[in-house]
Protein backbone atom coordinates (compact mmCIF):
# COMPACT_ATOMS: atom_id res chain seq x y z
CA MET A 1 2.23 -5.29 -6.03
CA MET A 2 -0.27 -3.43 -4.61
CA MET A 3 0.35 0.23 -4.31
CA TRP A 4 -0.40 3.84 -2.62
CA THR A 5 -1.98 6.36 -5.11
CA THR A 6 -3.78 9.94 -4.87
CA PRO A 7 -6.80 11.26 -5.34
CA GLY A 8 -6.26 12.78 -7.89
CA THR A 9 -4.37 10.44 -9.38
CA GLN A 10 -7.03 8.27 -9.05
CA GLN A 11 -9.64 10.45 -10.29
CA ALA A 12 -7.08 11.61 -13.06
CA LEU A 13 -6.98 7.62 -14.05
CA ARG A 14 -10.79 7.35 -14.68
CA GLN A 15 -10.56 9.70 -16.88
CA ASN A 16 -7.86 10.01 -18.75
CA THR A 17 -4.88 7.94 -18.57
CA SER A 18 -2.80 10.62 -20.04
CA ALA A 19 -3.77 13.19 -18.52
CA LEU A 20 -2.09 11.28 -14.90
CA PRO A 21 -0.83 14.52 -12.34
CA THR A 22 2.85 15.03 -10.94
CA ALA A 23 2.00 13.87 -8.18
CA PRO A 24 4.05 10.81 -7.63
CA VAL A 25 3.17 6.15 -7.25
CA VAL A 26 4.03 5.96 -4.56
CA PRO A 27 4.68 1.55 -3.75
CA GLU A 28 3.67 0.28 -0.69
CA PRO A 29 6.83 0.20 1.95
CA GLU A 30 7.38 -3.55 3.43
CA PRO A 31 5.35 -3.73 6.80
CA ASN A 32 9.36 -4.00 8.36
CA ARG A 33 9.91 -0.44 7.33
CA LEU A 34 5.96 0.70 8.34
CA ARG A 35 7.54 -0.37 11.67
CA ILE A 36 10.81 1.30 11.37
CA MET A 37 9.34 4.92 10.34
CA LEU A 38 6.62 3.61 13.73
CA ALA A 39 9.33 3.14 16.56
CA ALA A 40 11.18 6.20 15.16
CA ALA A 41 8.15 8.81 15.26
CA LEU A 42 7.28 6.75 19.11
CA ARG A 43 11.07 7.91 19.93
CA ARG A 44 10.39 11.53 18.69
CA ALA A 45 7.19 11.82 21.01
CA GLY A 46 8.71 10.41 24.60
CA GLN A 47 6.24 6.75 24.09
CA ALA A 48 8.75 3.60 24.59
CA SER A 49 6.59 1.39 23.07
CA ILE A 50 2.91 0.49 21.21
CA THR A 51 1.40 -2.92 20.53
CA LEU A 52 -0.03 -3.45 17.41
CA ALA A 53 -2.64 -5.69 16.12
CA VAL A 54 -2.61 -6.05 13.18
CA ARG A 55 -4.60 -8.25 10.92
CA VAL A 56 -3.33 -10.37 7.38
CA GLU A 57 -5.61 -11.55 4.87
CA PRO A 58 -4.82 -14.27 2.99
CA ARG A 59 -4.96 -13.78 -0.74
CA PRO A 60 -7.20 -15.53 -3.07
CA ALA A 61 -5.80 -18.79 -4.55
CA PRO A 62 -4.53 -18.81 -8.22
CA ARG A 63 -7.34 -20.62 -10.40
CA CYS A 64 -7.10 -22.78 -12.81
CA ILE A 65 -8.80 -22.10 -15.88
CA PRO A 66 -9.55 -25.22 -17.98
CA SER A 67 -8.01 -25.43 -21.63
CA PRO A 68 -11.27 -25.65 -24.72
CA ASN A 69 -8.95 -28.50 -25.73
């Protein structure tokens, strides 16, 4: 699962994992949830609809590592 982090969290992780800032790590929203949030924002702004183009990149195939036996 991908996680969204704040720049401060990323810097703290690089420097010292015990010095994490208080900002929480937020899980990536599900695509359907993003659609619902966008639709609500558009309704508040007075827009009827919007067309989005989304590019989905495939995940790399899992690799088989042969055992040394």
